[in-house]
Amino acid sequence: MTNRLPSYEGVLDAARRIEDVVVRTPLIESPALNERVGGRVLMKAETLQCAGAFKFRGAYNRISRLSEAEKTRGVVAFSSGNHAQGVAAAAKLVGTPAIIVMPSDSPAVKVEGVRGFGGEVRFYDRWKESREAIGAEIAAERGSVLVPPFDDPFIIEGQGTTALELLDQADTAIDQLLCGASGGGLMAGINLVMAERSPQTDVFVVEPEAFDDTARSLAAGERVGHPQGTPSICDALMAPMPGELTFPINRRCAGAITVSDAEVAEAVAFAFRHLKLVVEPGGAVSLAALLAGRIETRGRTTAIVLSGGNVDPGLFAAIVEGRFKA
């Protein structure tokens, strides 16, 4: 691992490294959504990325840099699901074994995804055990390389390639960009790019209302956590606090927005009915913020990231059929 800080130049290097394996996901637009919010909305569909989420970008950027000796010892990661699948998919491509520490309440579709890519799963209790401690113990026992979900320069820079593509694909200047955050790796990568390429764009973080650690940290001016509460349907966005590397970068955000599970469910249903996309709850928070009127959109061009599509089939069916109760 390296002690260097993530940078825009690192994002450019990541783009070159992953270009032959990553999906250049489309930037889509919906007349129905534009009419509803009174402005243009450009949506980066990372739901169509390898392993169903943006996480593959950072995972491959990190794992593809392993030495031959490191490849024989494998990698270990901890994740609620999307990073887990990204790591498993990248490890399979690189040819190294992967063990993933996952919460016991992870959606089955994400667990199956990890195993489908050949990854080994080690479950833990997210409320009583430390995934970091378990991951470190496994890494020490096996001599494996730890691939964290967000606090790693190569991970952050890999995720930042999402913004590089978005800016290249957009046919107009972007007034504001909204993106969900857990530990903040994707948001940090985006901020590195926007600061360099589109500094006039206001960047907003969106979080589930019960897991608003980035909002609390921005308000406090330092990293703080959120109270332990009831789980959210946004299982991908339940980190206890922002990352050590990610938060200093994300302090440049113009603001933070929170959304309820009911508003997220509406966004998941809207994406299915009007965009014909399967978007998981954690991947739909930015869309939820727009539909709920959390930010002014009239006469503006807003970019959002639909960050993942790995949703539990039963939950998805309940949402689109109107049976889900927050």
C-alpha atoms as a PDB file:
ATOM      1  CA  MET A   1       0.000   0.000   0.000  1.00  0.00           C
ATOM      2  CA  THR A   2       1.059   3.606  -0.321  1.00  0.00           C
ATOM      3  CA  ASN A   3       0.972   6.593   1.993  1.00  0.00           C
ATOM      4  CA  ARG A   4       0.494   9.091  -0.816  1.00  0.00           C
ATOM      5  CA  LEU A   5      -2.663  11.163  -1.118  1.00  0.00           C
ATOM      6  CA  PRO A   6      -5.173  10.645  -3.937  1.00  0.00           C
ATOM      7  CA  SER A   7      -4.945  13.170  -6.759  1.00  0.00           C
ATOM      8  CA  TYR A   8      -6.488  14.224 -10.069  1.00  0.00           C
ATOM      9  CA  GLU A   9      -3.378  12.929 -11.836  1.00  0.00           C
ATOM     10  CA  GLY A  10      -4.028   9.596 -10.140  1.00  0.00           C
ATOM     11  CA  VAL A  11      -7.567   9.570 -11.552  1.00  0.00           C
ATOM     12  CA  LEU A  12      -6.149  10.080 -15.049  1.00  0.00           C
ATOM     13  CA  ASP A  13      -3.725   7.202 -14.470  1.00  0.00           C
ATOM     14  CA  ALA A  14      -6.589   5.031 -13.224  1.00  0.00           C
ATOM     15  CA  ALA A  15      -8.595   5.800 -16.359  1.00  0.00           C
ATOM     16  CA  ARG A  16      -5.762   4.506 -18.514  1.00  0.00           C
ATOM     17  CA  ARG A  17      -5.302   1.387 -16.391  1.00  0.00           C
ATOM     18  CA  ILE A  18      -8.958   0.303 -16.311  1.00  0.00           C
ATOM     19  CA  GLU A  19     -10.113   1.408 -19.761  1.00  0.00           C
ATOM     20  CA  ASP A  20      -9.896  -2.054 -21.317  1.00  0.00           C
ATOM     21  CA  VAL A  21     -11.983  -3.776 -18.616  1.00  0.00           C
ATOM     22  CA  VAL A  22     -14.415  -1.163 -17.300  1.00  0.00           C
ATOM     23  CA  VAL A  23     -17.820  -0.474 -18.851  1.00  0.00           C
ATOM     24  CA  ARG A  24     -18.109   3.092 -20.150  1.00  0.00           C
ATOM     25  CA  THR A  25     -21.592   3.467 -18.731  1.00  0.00           C
ATOM     26  CA  PRO A  26     -24.106   5.693 -20.533  1.00  0.00           C
ATOM     27  CA  LEU A  27     -25.172   9.173 -19.461  1.00  0.00           C
ATOM     28  CA  ILE A  28     -28.928   9.090 -19.896  1.00  0.00           C
ATOM     29  CA  GLU A  29     -31.737  11.622 -19.866  1.00  0.00           C
ATOM     30  CA  SER A  30     -35.480  11.232 -19.314  1.00  0.00           C
ATOM     31  CA  PRO A  31     -38.078  13.655 -20.701  1.00  0.00           C
ATOM     32  CA  ALA A  32     -40.455  12.577 -17.929  1.00  0.00           C
ATOM     33  CA  LEU A  33     -37.922  13.399 -15.227  1.00  0.00           C
ATOM     34  CA  ASN A  34     -36.900  16.684 -16.861  1.00  0.00           C
ATOM     35  CA  GLU A  35     -40.537  17.758 -17.001  1.00  0.00           C
ATOM     36  CA  ARG A  36     -41.134  16.789 -13.397  1.00  0.00           C
ATOM     37  CA  VAL A  37     -38.194  18.768 -11.996  1.00  0.00           C
ATOM     38  CA  GLY A  38     -38.273  21.666 -14.466  1.00  0.00           C
ATOM     39  CA  GLY A  39     -34.692  21.271 -15.632  1.00  0.00           C
ATOM     40  CA  ARG A  40     -32.286  18.879 -17.305  1.00  0.00           C
ATOM     41  CA  VAL A  41     -31.110  15.809 -15.394  1.00  0.00           C
ATOM     42  CA  LEU A  42     -28.162  13.811 -16.697  1.00  0.00           C
ATOM     43  CA  MET A  43     -27.885  10.387 -15.074  1.00  0.00           C
ATOM     44  CA  LYS A  44     -24.692   8.328 -15.011  1.00  0.00           C
ATOM     45  CA  ALA A  45     -25.946   4.728 -15.061  1.00  0.00           C
ATOM     46  CA  GLU A  46     -23.328   2.868 -13.025  1.00  0.00           C
ATOM     47  CA  THR A  47     -26.005   0.231 -12.504  1.00  0.00           C
ATOM     48  CA  LEU A  48     -24.725  -1.124 -15.823  1.00  0.00           C
ATOM     49  CA  GLN A  49     -21.105  -1.360 -14.633  1.00  0.00           C
ATOM     50  CA  CYS A  50     -19.321  -4.687 -14.240  1.00  0.00           C
ATOM     51  CA  ALA A  51     -20.670  -6.346 -11.043  1.00  0.00           C
ATOM     52  CA  GLY A  52     -23.564  -3.883 -11.080  1.00  0.00           C
ATOM     53  CA  ALA A  53     -21.960  -0.864  -9.393  1.00  0.00           C
ATOM     54  CA  PHE A  54     -19.222   1.759  -9.668  1.00  0.00           C
ATOM     55  CA  LYS A  55     -17.131  -0.162  -7.113  1.00  0.00           C
ATOM     56  CA  PHE A  56     -15.476  -2.278  -9.806  1.00  0.00           C
ATOM     57  CA  ARG A  57     -13.563   0.805 -10.997  1.00  0.00           C
ATOM     58  CA  GLY A  58     -11.644   1.311  -7.783  1.00  0.00           C
ATOM     59  CA  ALA A  59     -11.267  -2.376  -7.032  1.00  0.00           C
ATOM     60  CA  TYR A  60      -9.658  -3.142 -10.376  1.00  0.00           C
ATOM     61  CA  ASN A  61      -7.443  -0.050 -10.192  1.00  0.00           C
ATOM     62  CA  ARG A  62      -6.073  -1.325  -6.866  1.00  0.00           C
ATOM     63  CA  ILE A  63      -5.923  -5.086  -7.457  1.00  0.00           C
ATOM     64  CA  SER A  64      -4.388  -4.841 -10.925  1.00  0.00           C
ATOM     65  CA  ARG A  65      -1.312  -3.277  -9.276  1.00  0.00           C
ATOM     66  CA  LEU A  66      -0.510  -6.328  -7.134  1.00  0.00           C
ATOM     67  CA  SER A  67       2.927  -7.866  -7.515  1.00  0.00           C
ATOM     68  CA  GLU A  68       3.176 -11.499  -8.576  1.00  0.00           C
ATOM     69  CA  ALA A  69       4.006 -12.473  -4.986  1.00  0.00           C
ATOM     70  CA  GLU A  70       0.981 -10.578  -3.681  1.00  0.00           C
ATOM     71  CA  LYS A  71      -1.273 -12.270  -6.226  1.00  0.00           C
ATOM     72  CA  THR A  72      -0.378 -15.680  -4.821  1.00  0.00           C
ATOM     73  CA  ARG A  73      -1.432 -14.579  -1.310  1.00  0.00           C
ATOM     74  CA  GLY A  74      -4.703 -13.004  -2.464  1.00  0.00           C
ATOM     75  CA  VAL A  75      -6.777 -10.086  -1.267  1.00  0.00           C
ATOM     76  CA  VAL A  76      -9.209  -9.488   1.579  1.00  0.00           C
ATOM     77  CA  ALA A  77     -11.936  -6.844   1.682  1.00  0.00           C
ATOM     78  CA  PHE A  78     -14.888  -5.852   3.858  1.00  0.00           C
ATOM     79  CA  SER A  79     -18.142  -4.645   2.361  1.00  0.00           C
ATOM     80  CA  SER A  80     -21.924  -4.795   2.559  1.00  0.00           C
ATOM     81  CA  GLY A  81     -21.988  -5.990  -1.023  1.00  0.00           C
ATOM     82  CA  ASN A  82     -21.033  -3.743  -3.932  1.00  0.00           C
ATOM     83  CA  HIS A  83     -17.350  -3.347  -3.046  1.00  0.00           C
ATOM     84  CA  ALA A  84     -17.405  -7.052  -2.244  1.00  0.00           C
ATOM     85  CA  GLN A  85     -18.568  -7.913  -5.746  1.00  0.00           C
ATOM     86  CA  GLY A  86     -16.224  -5.394  -7.340  1.00  0.00           C
ATOM     87  CA  VAL A  87     -13.254  -6.897  -5.514  1.00  0.00           C
ATOM     88  CA  ALA A  88     -14.304 -10.458  -6.361  1.00  0.00           C
ATOM     89  CA  ALA A  89     -14.750  -9.550 -10.038  1.00  0.00           C
ATOM     90  CA  ALA A  90     -11.422  -7.710 -10.208  1.00  0.00           C
ATOM     91  CA  ALA A  91      -9.602 -10.505  -8.377  1.00  0.00           C
ATOM     92  CA  LYS A  92     -10.958 -13.059 -10.844  1.00  0.00           C
ATOM     93  CA  LEU A  93      -9.704 -10.980 -13.787  1.00  0.00           C
ATOM     94  CA  VAL A  94      -6.289 -10.490 -12.217  1.00  0.00           C
ATOM     95  CA  GLY A  95      -6.045 -14.126 -11.145  1.00  0.00           C
ATOM     96  CA  THR A  96      -5.831 -13.834  -7.374  1.00  0.00           C
ATOM     97  CA  PRO A  97      -8.042 -15.337  -4.629  1.00  0.00           C
ATOM     98  CA  ALA A  98     -10.364 -13.041  -2.669  1.00  0.00           C
ATOM     99  CA  ILE A  99     -12.044 -13.367   0.720  1.00  0.00           C
ATOM    100  CA  ILE A 100     -14.743 -10.858   1.583  1.00  0.00           C
ATOM    101  CA  VAL A 101     -15.966  -9.947   5.079  1.00  0.00           C
ATOM    102  CA  MET A 102     -19.687  -9.200   4.712  1.00  0.00           C
ATOM    103  CA  PRO A 103     -22.467  -8.317   7.187  1.00  0.00           C
ATOM    104  CA  SER A 104     -24.705 -11.256   7.998  1.00  0.00           C
ATOM    105  CA  ASP A 105     -27.673  -9.147   6.855  1.00  0.00           C
ATOM    106  CA  SER A 106     -26.242  -8.467   3.391  1.00  0.00           C
ATOM    107  CA  PRO A 107     -28.773  -8.929   0.578  1.00  0.00           C
ATOM    108  CA  ALA A 108     -28.570 -12.471  -0.757  1.00  0.00           C
ATOM    109  CA  VAL A 109     -28.134 -11.169  -4.299  1.00  0.00           C
ATOM    110  CA  LYS A 110     -24.866  -9.500  -3.265  1.00  0.00           C
ATOM    111  CA  VAL A 111     -23.577 -12.568  -1.454  1.00  0.00           C
ATOM    112  CA  GLU A 112     -24.422 -14.699  -4.473  1.00  0.00           C
ATOM    113  CA  GLY A 113     -22.661 -12.160  -6.687  1.00  0.00           C
ATOM    114  CA  VAL A 114     -19.429 -12.447  -4.696  1.00  0.00           C
ATOM    115  CA  ARG A 115     -19.535 -16.232  -4.817  1.00  0.00           C
ATOM    116  CA  GLY A 116     -20.396 -16.145  -8.497  1.00  0.00           C
ATOM    117  CA  PHE A 117     -17.095 -14.344  -9.153  1.00  0.00           C
ATOM    118  CA  GLY A 118     -15.264 -16.979  -7.121  1.00  0.00           C
ATOM    119  CA  GLY A 119     -14.923 -14.986  -3.895  1.00  0.00           C
ATOM    120  CA  GLU A 120     -14.994 -16.555  -0.426  1.00  0.00           C
ATOM    121  CA  VAL A 121     -17.416 -14.965   2.083  1.00  0.00           C
ATOM    122  CA  ARG A 122     -16.840 -14.522   5.829  1.00  0.00           C
ATOM    123  CA  PHE A 123     -19.951 -13.170   7.610  1.00  0.00           C
ATOM    124  CA  TYR A 124     -19.941 -10.865  10.653  1.00  0.00           C
ATOM    125  CA  ASP A 125     -22.445  -9.005  12.852  1.00  0.00           C
ATOM    126  CA  ARG A 126     -22.328  -5.352  11.745  1.00  0.00           C
ATOM    127  CA  TRP A 127     -23.681  -4.174  15.140  1.00  0.00           C
ATOM    128  CA  LYS A 128     -21.376  -6.224  17.401  1.00  0.00           C
ATOM    129  CA  GLU A 129     -18.182  -6.939  15.462  1.00  0.00           C
ATOM    130  CA  SER A 130     -15.578  -4.809  13.706  1.00  0.00           C
ATOM    131  CA  ARG A 131     -15.200  -5.609  10.028  1.00  0.00           C
ATOM    132  CA  GLU A 132     -11.888  -3.724  10.011  1.00  0.00           C
ATOM    133  CA  ALA A 133     -10.511  -5.906  12.800  1.00  0.00           C
ATOM    134  CA  ILE A 134     -11.694  -9.104  11.120  1.00  0.00           C
ATOM    135  CA  GLY A 135     -10.238  -8.033   7.770  1.00  0.00           C
ATOM    136  CA  ALA A 136      -6.905  -7.143   9.379  1.00  0.00           C
ATOM    137  CA  GLU A 137      -6.800 -10.499  11.182  1.00  0.00           C
ATOM    138  CA  ILE A 138      -7.423 -12.430   7.964  1.00  0.00           C
ATOM    139  CA  ALA A 139      -4.831 -10.370   6.110  1.00  0.00           C
ATOM    140  CA  ALA A 140      -2.271 -11.090   8.819  1.00  0.00           C
ATOM    141  CA  GLU A 141      -3.039 -14.817   8.874  1.00  0.00           C
ATOM    142  CA  ARG A 142      -2.895 -15.282   5.110  1.00  0.00           C
ATOM    143  CA  GLY A 143      -0.461 -12.555   4.141  1.00  0.00           C
ATOM    144  CA  SER A 144      -3.218 -11.129   1.944  1.00  0.00           C
ATOM    145  CA  VAL A 145      -3.437  -7.553   0.702  1.00  0.00           C
ATOM    146  CA  LEU A 146      -6.248  -5.587   2.329  1.00  0.00           C
ATOM    147  CA  VAL A 147      -8.408  -3.741  -0.210  1.00  0.00           C
ATOM    148  CA  PRO A 148     -10.511  -1.231   1.780  1.00  0.00           C
ATOM    149  CA  PRO A 149     -13.839   0.024   0.421  1.00  0.00           C
ATOM    150  CA  PHE A 150     -12.917   3.711   0.299  1.00  0.00           C
ATOM    151  CA  ASP A 151      -9.837   4.777   2.292  1.00  0.00           C
ATOM    152  CA  ASP A 152      -7.182   3.954  -0.305  1.00  0.00           C
ATOM    153  CA  PRO A 153      -5.738   6.319  -2.952  1.00  0.00           C
ATOM    154  CA  PHE A 154      -6.107   3.805  -5.782  1.00  0.00           C
ATOM    155  CA  ILE A 155      -9.713   3.058  -4.804  1.00  0.00           C
ATOM    156  CA  ILE A 156     -10.635   6.752  -4.686  1.00  0.00           C
ATOM    157  CA  GLU A 157      -8.896   7.472  -7.985  1.00  0.00           C
ATOM    158  CA  GLY A 158     -10.563   4.532  -9.685  1.00  0.00           C
ATOM    159  CA  GLN A 159     -13.987   5.747  -8.572  1.00  0.00           C
ATOM    160  CA  GLY A 160     -13.125   9.215  -9.870  1.00  0.00           C
ATOM    161  CA  THR A 161     -13.093   7.891 -13.423  1.00  0.00           C
ATOM    162  CA  THR A 162     -16.901   7.985 -13.172  1.00  0.00           C
ATOM    163  CA  ALA A 163     -16.732  11.783 -13.208  1.00  0.00           C
ATOM    164  CA  LEU A 164     -14.178  11.864 -16.028  1.00  0.00           C
ATOM    165  CA  GLU A 165     -16.587   9.915 -18.233  1.00  0.00           C
ATOM    166  CA  LEU A 166     -19.566  11.976 -17.131  1.00  0.00           C
ATOM    167  CA  LEU A 167     -17.908  15.256 -18.102  1.00  0.00           C
ATOM    168  CA  ASP A 168     -16.748  13.839 -21.448  1.00  0.00           C
ATOM    169  CA  GLN A 169     -20.265  12.598 -22.215  1.00  0.00           C
ATOM    170  CA  ALA A 170     -22.181  15.722 -21.165  1.00  0.00           C
ATOM    171  CA  ASP A 171     -23.202  18.068 -23.984  1.00  0.00           C
ATOM    172  CA  THR A 172     -23.495  21.090 -21.700  1.00  0.00           C
ATOM    173  CA  ALA A 173     -22.045  22.647 -18.566  1.00  0.00           C
ATOM    174  CA  ILE A 174     -23.286  21.063 -15.344  1.00  0.00           C
ATOM    175  CA  ASP A 175     -24.674  23.397 -12.695  1.00  0.00           C
ATOM    176  CA  GLN A 176     -24.809  20.844  -9.889  1.00  0.00           C
ATOM    177  CA  LEU A 177     -23.956  17.215  -9.251  1.00  0.00           C
ATOM    178  CA  LEU A 178     -25.528  14.926  -6.652  1.00  0.00           C
ATOM    179  CA  CYS A 179     -24.068  11.644  -5.469  1.00  0.00           C
ATOM    180  CA  GLY A 180     -24.713   9.294  -2.576  1.00  0.00           C
ATOM    181  CA  ALA A 181     -22.010   8.563  -0.017  1.00  0.00           C
ATOM    182  CA  SER A 182     -21.165   5.926   2.554  1.00  0.00           C
ATOM    183  CA  GLY A 183     -17.463   6.188   3.384  1.00  0.00           C
ATOM    184  CA  GLY A 184     -17.123   8.744   0.596  1.00  0.00           C
ATOM    185  CA  GLY A 185     -14.792   7.075  -1.911  1.00  0.00           C
ATOM    186  CA  LEU A 186     -16.891   7.790  -4.997  1.00  0.00           C
ATOM    187  CA  MET A 187     -17.670  11.300  -3.796  1.00  0.00           C
ATOM    188  CA  ALA A 188     -13.972  11.976  -3.154  1.00  0.00           C
ATOM    189  CA  GLY A 189     -13.010  10.756  -6.616  1.00  0.00           C
ATOM    190  CA  ILE A 190     -15.716  12.943  -8.128  1.00  0.00           C
ATOM    191  CA  ASN A 191     -14.548  15.963  -6.141  1.00  0.00           C
ATOM    192  CA  LEU A 192     -10.958  15.496  -7.310  1.00  0.00           C
ATOM    193  CA  VAL A 193     -12.163  15.612 -10.905  1.00  0.00           C
ATOM    194  CA  MET A 194     -14.691  18.416 -10.532  1.00  0.00           C
ATOM    195  CA  ALA A 195     -12.209  20.656  -8.720  1.00  0.00           C
ATOM    196  CA  GLU A 196      -9.893  20.373 -11.707  1.00  0.00           C
ATOM    197  CA  ARG A 197     -12.273  20.091 -14.648  1.00  0.00           C
ATOM    198  CA  SER A 198     -15.500  21.822 -13.585  1.00  0.00           C
ATOM    199  CA  PRO A 199     -14.920  23.917 -10.436  1.00  0.00           C
ATOM    200  CA  GLN A 200     -18.067  25.938 -11.070  1.00  0.00           C
ATOM    201  CA  THR A 201     -20.252  22.848 -10.542  1.00  0.00           C
ATOM    202  CA  ASP A 202     -21.775  22.624  -7.065  1.00  0.00           C
ATOM    203  CA  VAL A 203     -21.320  19.099  -5.678  1.00  0.00           C
ATOM    204  CA  PHE A 204     -23.809  17.770  -3.118  1.00  0.00           C
ATOM    205  CA  VAL A 205     -23.639  14.596  -1.057  1.00  0.00           C
ATOM    206  CA  VAL A 206     -26.862  12.634  -0.460  1.00  0.00           C
ATOM    207  CA  GLU A 207     -27.357  10.224   2.446  1.00  0.00           C
ATOM    208  CA  PRO A 208     -30.107   8.220   4.154  1.00  0.00           C
ATOM    209  CA  GLU A 209     -31.502  10.338   6.982  1.00  0.00           C
ATOM    210  CA  ALA A 210     -30.450   7.857   9.685  1.00  0.00           C
ATOM    211  CA  PHE A 211     -26.913   7.527   8.276  1.00  0.00           C
ATOM    212  CA  ASP A 212     -25.997  11.181   7.756  1.00  0.00           C
ATOM    213  CA  ASP A 213     -22.402  11.017   8.994  1.00  0.00           C
ATOM    214  CA  THR A 214     -21.056  13.097   6.101  1.00  0.00           C
ATOM    215  CA  ALA A 215     -23.659  15.809   6.720  1.00  0.00           C
ATOM    216  CA  ARG A 216     -22.805  15.809  10.425  1.00  0.00           C
ATOM    217  CA  SER A 217     -19.093  15.899   9.665  1.00  0.00           C
ATOM    218  CA  LEU A 218     -19.421  18.790   7.218  1.00  0.00           C
ATOM    219  CA  ALA A 219     -21.374  20.729   9.832  1.00  0.00           C
ATOM    220  CA  ALA A 220     -18.832  19.950  12.559  1.00  0.00           C
ATOM    221  CA  GLY A 221     -15.777  20.548  10.392  1.00  0.00           C
ATOM    222  CA  GLU A 222     -14.354  17.177  11.397  1.00  0.00           C
ATOM    223  CA  ARG A 223     -15.148  13.475  11.035  1.00  0.00           C
ATOM    224  CA  VAL A 224     -18.027  12.410  13.269  1.00  0.00           C
ATOM    225  CA  GLY A 225     -20.345   9.423  13.234  1.00  0.00           C
ATOM    226  CA  HIS A 226     -24.096   9.113  13.407  1.00  0.00           C
ATOM    227  CA  PRO A 227     -26.181   7.601  16.212  1.00  0.00           C
ATOM    228  CA  GLN A 228     -26.801   3.880  15.883  1.00  0.00           C
ATOM    229  CA  GLY A 229     -30.355   3.538  14.696  1.00  0.00           C
ATOM    230  CA  THR A 230     -32.610   1.287  12.730  1.00  0.00           C
ATOM    231  CA  PRO A 231     -31.168  -0.092   9.482  1.00  0.00           C
ATOM    232  CA  SER A 232     -32.003   1.618   6.215  1.00  0.00           C
ATOM    233  CA  ILE A 233     -33.053  -0.023   2.971  1.00  0.00           C
ATOM    234  CA  CYS A 234     -29.936   1.728   1.627  1.00  0.00           C
ATOM    235  CA  ASP A 235     -27.684  -1.120   2.792  1.00  0.00           C
ATOM    236  CA  ALA A 236     -24.817   0.217   0.664  1.00  0.00           C
ATOM    237  CA  LEU A 237     -24.754   3.543   2.538  1.00  0.00           C
ATOM    238  CA  MET A 238     -24.471   2.511   6.180  1.00  0.00           C
ATOM    239  CA  ALA A 239     -20.821   3.318   7.019  1.00  0.00           C
ATOM    240  CA  PRO A 240     -20.343   4.589  10.597  1.00  0.00           C
ATOM    241  CA  MET A 241     -18.380   7.681   9.573  1.00  0.00           C
ATOM    242  CA  PRO A 242     -16.551   9.226   6.595  1.00  0.00           C
ATOM    243  CA  GLY A 243     -13.073   7.989   5.721  1.00  0.00           C
ATOM    244  CA  GLU A 244      -9.819   9.556   6.846  1.00  0.00           C
ATOM    245  CA  LEU A 245      -8.695  10.106   3.253  1.00  0.00           C
ATOM    246  CA  THR A 246     -12.096  10.861   1.778  1.00  0.00           C
ATOM    247  CA  PHE A 247     -13.449  13.470   4.189  1.00  0.00           C
ATOM    248  CA  PRO A 248     -10.741  16.135   3.664  1.00  0.00           C
ATOM    249  CA  ILE A 249     -11.430  15.955  -0.071  1.00  0.00           C
ATOM    250  CA  ASN A 250     -15.199  15.989   0.374  1.00  0.00           C
ATOM    251  CA  ARG A 251     -15.127  19.112   2.515  1.00  0.00           C
ATOM    252  CA  ARG A 252     -15.339  20.985  -0.786  1.00  0.00           C
ATOM    253  CA  CYS A 253     -18.952  19.765  -1.198  1.00  0.00           C
ATOM    254  CA  ALA A 254     -21.451  22.595  -1.517  1.00  0.00           C
ATOM    255  CA  GLY A 255     -23.836  20.870   0.885  1.00  0.00           C
ATOM    256  CA  ALA A 256     -25.415  17.675   2.150  1.00  0.00           C
ATOM    257  CA  ILE A 257     -28.929  16.334   1.592  1.00  0.00           C
ATOM    258  CA  THR A 258     -30.747  13.562   3.445  1.00  0.00           C
ATOM    259  CA  VAL A 259     -33.619  11.420   2.196  1.00  0.00           C
ATOM    260  CA  SER A 260     -36.023   9.018   3.890  1.00  0.00           C
ATOM    261  CA  ASP A 261     -36.476   5.354   3.045  1.00  0.00           C
ATOM    262  CA  ALA A 262     -39.947   6.174   1.700  1.00  0.00           C
ATOM    263  CA  GLU A 263     -38.468   8.768  -0.663  1.00  0.00           C
ATOM    264  CA  VAL A 264     -35.780   6.317  -1.756  1.00  0.00           C
ATOM    265  CA  ALA A 265     -38.418   3.670  -2.452  1.00  0.00           C
ATOM    266  CA  GLU A 266     -40.288   6.151  -4.642  1.00  0.00           C
ATOM    267  CA  ALA A 267     -37.082   6.778  -6.593  1.00  0.00           C
ATOM    268  CA  VAL A 268     -36.447   3.044  -7.090  1.00  0.00           C
ATOM    269  CA  ALA A 269     -39.989   2.657  -8.427  1.00  0.00           C
ATOM    270  CA  PHE A 270     -39.642   5.745 -10.644  1.00  0.00           C
ATOM    271  CA  ALA A 271     -36.407   4.409 -12.150  1.00  0.00           C
ATOM    272  CA  PHE A 272     -38.077   1.109 -12.982  1.00  0.00           C
ATOM    273  CA  ARG A 273     -41.228   2.626 -14.463  1.00  0.00           C
ATOM    274  CA  HIS A 274     -39.771   5.587 -16.348  1.00  0.00           C
ATOM    275  CA  LEU A 275     -36.081   4.818 -16.922  1.00  0.00           C
ATOM    276  CA  LYS A 276     -36.491   1.039 -17.295  1.00  0.00           C
ATOM    277  CA  LEU A 277     -33.562   0.563 -14.930  1.00  0.00           C
ATOM    278  CA  VAL A 278     -33.138  -1.565 -11.836  1.00  0.00           C
ATOM    279  CA  VAL A 279     -31.540   0.719  -9.253  1.00  0.00           C
ATOM    280  CA  GLU A 280     -30.839  -0.424  -5.707  1.00  0.00           C
ATOM    281  CA  PRO A 281     -31.953   1.865  -2.856  1.00  0.00           C
ATOM    282  CA  GLY A 282     -28.435   3.067  -2.052  1.00  0.00           C
ATOM    283  CA  GLY A 283     -27.899   3.832  -5.719  1.00  0.00           C
ATOM    284  CA  ALA A 284     -31.117   5.849  -5.968  1.00  0.00           C
ATOM    285  CA  VAL A 285     -30.621   8.425  -3.199  1.00  0.00           C
ATOM    286  CA  SER A 286     -29.656  11.241  -5.573  1.00  0.00           C
ATOM    287  CA  LEU A 287     -32.718  10.591  -7.700  1.00  0.00           C
ATOM    288  CA  ALA A 288     -34.764  10.527  -4.495  1.00  0.00           C
ATOM    289  CA  ALA A 289     -33.438  13.958  -3.547  1.00  0.00           C
ATOM    290  CA  LEU A 290     -34.585  15.370  -6.884  1.00  0.00           C
ATOM    291  CA  LEU A 291     -38.027  13.774  -6.796  1.00  0.00           C
ATOM    292  CA  ALA A 292     -38.553  14.932  -3.202  1.00  0.00           C
ATOM    293  CA  GLY A 293     -37.665  18.523  -4.114  1.00  0.00           C
ATOM    294  CA  ARG A 294     -34.666  18.654  -1.778  1.00  0.00           C
ATOM    295  CA  ILE A 295     -32.733  20.909  -4.149  1.00  0.00           C
ATOM    296  CA  GLU A 296     -33.639  23.590  -6.689  1.00  0.00           C
ATOM    297  CA  THR A 297     -33.597  22.148 -10.212  1.00  0.00           C
ATOM    298  CA  ARG A 298     -35.692  24.567 -12.287  1.00  0.00           C
ATOM    299  CA  GLY A 299     -33.744  25.992 -15.191  1.00  0.00           C
ATOM    300  CA  ARG A 300     -30.618  24.100 -14.154  1.00  0.00           C
ATOM    301  CA  THR A 301     -28.645  21.150 -15.446  1.00  0.00           C
ATOM    302  CA  THR A 302     -28.196  18.568 -12.709  1.00  0.00           C
ATOM    303  CA  ALA A 303     -26.025  15.459 -12.936  1.00  0.00           C
ATOM    304  CA  ILE A 304     -26.625  12.470 -10.671  1.00  0.00           C
ATOM    305  CA  VAL A 305     -24.964   9.087 -10.280  1.00  0.00           C
ATOM    306  CA  LEU A 306     -27.159   5.987 -10.215  1.00  0.00           C
ATOM    307  CA  SER A 307     -24.415   4.151  -8.385  1.00  0.00           C
ATOM    308  CA  GLY A 308     -25.609   0.550  -8.172  1.00  0.00           C
ATOM    309  CA  GLY A 309     -28.272  -1.931  -9.171  1.00  0.00           C
ATOM    310  CA  ASN A 310     -27.754  -4.887  -6.819  1.00  0.00           C
ATOM    311  CA  VAL A 311     -31.089  -4.999  -5.028  1.00  0.00           C
ATOM    312  CA  ASP A 312     -32.732  -7.865  -3.173  1.00  0.00           C
ATOM    313  CA  PRO A 313     -35.429  -9.237  -5.529  1.00  0.00           C
ATOM    314  CA  GLY A 314     -38.060  -9.462  -2.793  1.00  0.00           C
ATOM    315  CA  LEU A 315     -37.503  -5.876  -1.664  1.00  0.00           C
ATOM    316  CA  PHE A 316     -37.484  -4.663  -5.260  1.00  0.00           C
ATOM    317  CA  ALA A 317     -40.773  -6.409  -6.011  1.00  0.00           C
ATOM    318  CA  ALA A 318     -42.373  -4.948  -2.888  1.00  0.00           C
ATOM    319  CA  ILE A 319     -41.265  -1.446  -3.880  1.00  0.00           C
ATOM    320  CA  VAL A 320     -42.385  -1.511  -7.503  1.00  0.00           C
ATOM    321  CA  GLU A 321     -45.681  -3.180  -6.592  1.00  0.00           C
ATOM    322  CA  GLY A 322     -46.373  -0.586  -3.901  1.00  0.00           C
ATOM    323  CA  ARG A 323     -46.255  -3.056  -1.020  1.00  0.00           C
ATOM    324  CA  PHE A 324     -43.199  -1.610   0.716  1.00  0.00           C
ATOM    325  CA  LYS A 325     -43.858   0.292   3.955  1.00  0.00           C
ATOM    326  CA  ALA A 326     -41.037   2.421   5.348  1.00  0.00           C
END
